[in-house]
Amino acid sequence: MGAGEDRARAQKLAPVTDEEVAALVDAVTGATWNTRNAIMADVFRARAAAHGDEMPAFRPAGTS
C-alpha cells in the first residue's frame, strides 16, 4: 500500500482512478453551473452507493 492510499484511508477518501478523474473533467467541461452541480451530485451518489464507508459525511446545503 502506497503513501497516497494510506492518506486516503486516514481521511476516509474513496480511491479514485485517473480515468475517473478524466471522465469527470470531460463531463463538466463547458457545462453550465447547474449542469455541473447535477453531474457532481450524481457522481457523489454513485460513489456513496459503491464506497459508502469510505466516503466522507455529506449534507446538502440548507439541511441540518
N, C-alpha and C. Protein backbone atom coordinates (compact mmCIF):
# COMPACT_ATOMS: atom_id res chain seq x y z
N MET A 1 0.86 -1.17 0.00
CA MET A 1 0.00 0.00 0.00
C MET A 1 0.90 1.23 0.00
N GLY A 2 0.64 2.18 -0.89
CA GLY A 2 1.45 3.38 -1.01
C GLY A 2 1.03 4.47 -0.05
N ALA A 3 1.83 5.51 0.01
CA ALA A 3 1.56 6.64 0.90
C ALA A 3 0.24 7.32 0.55
N GLY A 4 -0.06 7.43 -0.75
CA GLY A 4 -1.32 8.03 -1.18
C GLY A 4 -2.53 7.25 -0.69
N GLU A 5 -2.41 5.92 -0.74
CA GLU A 5 -3.52 5.08 -0.27
C GLU A 5 -3.67 5.20 1.25
N ASP A 6 -2.55 5.28 1.97
CA ASP A 6 -2.62 5.45 3.42
C ASP A 6 -3.31 6.77 3.77
N ARG A 7 -2.96 7.84 3.06
CA ARG A 7 -3.58 9.15 3.31
C ARG A 7 -5.07 9.09 3.02
N ALA A 8 -5.44 8.44 1.92
CA ALA A 8 -6.85 8.35 1.55
C ALA A 8 -7.64 7.61 2.62
N ARG A 9 -7.09 6.52 3.12
CA ARG A 9 -7.79 5.78 4.17
C ARG A 9 -7.90 6.60 5.45
N ALA A 10 -6.84 7.32 5.81
CA ALA A 10 -6.84 8.13 7.02
C ALA A 10 -7.88 9.25 6.92
N GLN A 11 -8.08 9.77 5.73
CA GLN A 11 -9.03 10.86 5.54
C GLN A 11 -10.40 10.37 5.07
N LYS A 12 -10.59 9.07 5.05
CA LYS A 12 -11.85 8.47 4.59
C LYS A 12 -12.19 8.92 3.17
N LEU A 13 -11.21 8.83 2.28
CA LEU A 13 -11.43 9.17 0.89
C LEU A 13 -11.49 7.89 0.08
N ALA A 14 -12.56 7.69 -0.65
CA ALA A 14 -12.68 6.53 -1.51
C ALA A 14 -11.66 6.69 -2.64
N PRO A 15 -10.98 5.62 -3.00
CA PRO A 15 -9.97 5.72 -4.06
C PRO A 15 -10.61 6.10 -5.40
N VAL A 16 -9.87 6.84 -6.18
CA VAL A 16 -10.35 7.28 -7.49
C VAL A 16 -9.23 7.06 -8.49
N THR A 17 -9.58 6.64 -9.69
CA THR A 17 -8.57 6.39 -10.72
C THR A 17 -8.38 7.62 -11.60
N ASP A 18 -7.25 7.64 -12.29
CA ASP A 18 -7.00 8.73 -13.23
C ASP A 18 -8.07 8.77 -14.32
N GLU A 19 -8.56 7.60 -14.72
CA GLU A 19 -9.60 7.53 -15.75
C GLU A 19 -10.90 8.15 -15.26
N GLU A 20 -11.25 7.91 -13.99
CA GLU A 20 -12.47 8.50 -13.43
C GLU A 20 -12.36 10.02 -13.37
N VAL A 21 -11.19 10.51 -13.00
CA VAL A 21 -10.98 11.96 -12.95
C VAL A 21 -11.11 12.55 -14.35
N ALA A 22 -10.48 11.93 -15.33
CA ALA A 22 -10.53 12.42 -16.71
C ALA A 22 -11.96 12.42 -17.24
N ALA A 23 -12.72 11.37 -16.94
CA ALA A 23 -14.11 11.29 -17.40
C ALA A 23 -14.95 12.39 -16.77
N LEU A 24 -14.73 12.68 -15.50
CA LEU A 24 -15.48 13.73 -14.82
C LEU A 24 -15.12 15.10 -15.38
N VAL A 25 -13.84 15.35 -15.60
CA VAL A 25 -13.42 16.63 -16.18
C VAL A 25 -14.05 16.81 -17.55
N ASP A 26 -14.04 15.76 -18.36
CA ASP A 26 -14.66 15.84 -19.68
C ASP A 26 -16.16 16.12 -19.57
N ALA A 27 -16.81 15.52 -18.59
CA ALA A 27 -18.26 15.68 -18.43
C ALA A 27 -18.64 17.11 -18.05
N VAL A 28 -17.84 17.75 -17.22
CA VAL A 28 -18.22 19.08 -16.74
C VAL A 28 -17.61 20.23 -17.54
N THR A 29 -16.64 19.93 -18.39
CA THR A 29 -16.02 20.99 -19.18
C THR A 29 -17.05 21.61 -20.12
N GLY A 30 -17.21 22.90 -20.00
CA GLY A 30 -18.13 23.62 -20.85
C GLY A 30 -19.58 23.58 -20.40
N ALA A 31 -19.86 22.86 -19.32
CA ALA A 31 -21.24 22.76 -18.82
C ALA A 31 -21.58 23.99 -17.98
N THR A 32 -22.86 24.29 -17.89
CA THR A 32 -23.31 25.37 -17.02
C THR A 32 -23.15 24.94 -15.57
N TRP A 33 -23.22 25.90 -14.64
CA TRP A 33 -23.09 25.56 -13.23
C TRP A 33 -24.17 24.58 -12.78
N ASN A 34 -25.39 24.78 -13.23
CA ASN A 34 -26.48 23.87 -12.83
C ASN A 34 -26.21 22.46 -13.33
N THR A 35 -25.72 22.35 -14.56
CA THR A 35 -25.41 21.03 -15.11
C THR A 35 -24.24 20.41 -14.36
N ARG A 36 -23.22 21.21 -14.08
CA ARG A 36 -22.07 20.70 -13.31
C ARG A 36 -22.51 20.21 -11.94
N ASN A 37 -23.34 20.98 -11.28
CA ASN A 37 -23.82 20.58 -9.95
C ASN A 37 -24.59 19.26 -10.02
N ALA A 38 -25.43 19.11 -11.05
CA ALA A 38 -26.19 17.88 -11.21
C ALA A 38 -25.26 16.69 -11.47
N ILE A 39 -24.25 16.90 -12.32
CA ILE A 39 -23.28 15.84 -12.61
C ILE A 39 -22.54 15.44 -11.34
N MET A 40 -22.07 16.42 -10.59
CA MET A 40 -21.32 16.14 -9.37
C MET A 40 -22.20 15.43 -8.33
N ALA A 41 -23.45 15.82 -8.22
CA ALA A 41 -24.37 15.16 -7.29
C ALA A 41 -24.58 13.71 -7.69
N ASP A 42 -24.76 13.46 -8.98
CA ASP A 42 -24.92 12.08 -9.46
C ASP A 42 -23.68 11.25 -9.19
N VAL A 43 -22.50 11.83 -9.43
CA VAL A 43 -21.25 11.10 -9.19
C VAL A 43 -21.11 10.80 -7.70
N PHE A 44 -21.42 11.78 -6.85
CA PHE A 44 -21.32 11.56 -5.42
C PHE A 44 -22.25 10.43 -4.97
N ARG A 45 -23.48 10.47 -5.44
CA ARG A 45 -24.44 9.42 -5.05
C ARG A 45 -23.97 8.03 -5.51
N ALA A 46 -23.45 7.94 -6.72
CA ALA A 46 -22.97 6.65 -7.24
C ALA A 46 -21.77 6.16 -6.43
N ARG A 47 -20.85 7.07 -6.11
CA ARG A 47 -19.68 6.67 -5.32
C ARG A 47 -20.08 6.31 -3.90
N ALA A 48 -21.04 7.03 -3.34
CA ALA A 48 -21.50 6.71 -1.99
C ALA A 48 -22.15 5.34 -1.95
N ALA A 49 -22.89 4.99 -3.00
CA ALA A 49 -23.51 3.67 -3.07
C ALA A 49 -22.45 2.57 -3.18
N ALA A 50 -21.38 2.85 -3.91
CA ALA A 50 -20.34 1.85 -4.14
C ALA A 50 -19.31 1.80 -3.01
N HIS A 51 -19.07 2.93 -2.35
CA HIS A 51 -18.00 3.03 -1.36
C HIS A 51 -18.50 3.69 -0.08
N GLY A 52 -19.70 3.40 0.34
CA GLY A 52 -20.33 4.10 1.46
C GLY A 52 -19.46 4.37 2.66
N ASP A 53 -18.79 3.35 3.20
CA ASP A 53 -18.00 3.54 4.41
C ASP A 53 -16.71 4.31 4.16
N GLU A 54 -16.33 4.46 2.90
CA GLU A 54 -15.10 5.16 2.58
C GLU A 54 -15.36 6.62 2.20
N MET A 55 -16.62 7.02 2.18
CA MET A 55 -16.96 8.38 1.77
C MET A 55 -17.10 9.28 3.00
N PRO A 56 -16.71 10.55 2.86
CA PRO A 56 -16.89 11.48 3.98
C PRO A 56 -18.38 11.78 4.18
N ALA A 57 -18.72 12.28 5.34
CA ALA A 57 -20.11 12.66 5.61
C ALA A 57 -20.52 13.78 4.67
N PHE A 58 -21.78 13.81 4.28
CA PHE A 58 -22.26 14.81 3.34
C PHE A 58 -23.67 15.22 3.72
N ARG A 59 -23.91 16.51 3.73
CA ARG A 59 -25.25 17.05 3.92
C ARG A 59 -25.47 18.11 2.87
N PRO A 60 -26.53 18.02 2.10
CA PRO A 60 -26.80 19.07 1.11
C PRO A 60 -26.98 20.42 1.80
N ALA A 61 -26.65 21.46 1.08
CA ALA A 61 -26.80 22.82 1.63
C ALA A 61 -28.24 23.03 2.10
N GLY A 62 -28.39 23.69 3.23
CA GLY A 62 -29.71 24.01 3.75
C GLY A 62 -30.32 22.92 4.62
N THR A 63 -29.59 21.83 4.84
CA THR A 63 -30.10 20.76 5.70
C THR A 63 -29.25 20.71 6.98
N SER A 64 -29.85 20.17 8.03
CA SER A 64 -29.09 20.09 9.27
C SER A 64 -28.64 18.66 9.53
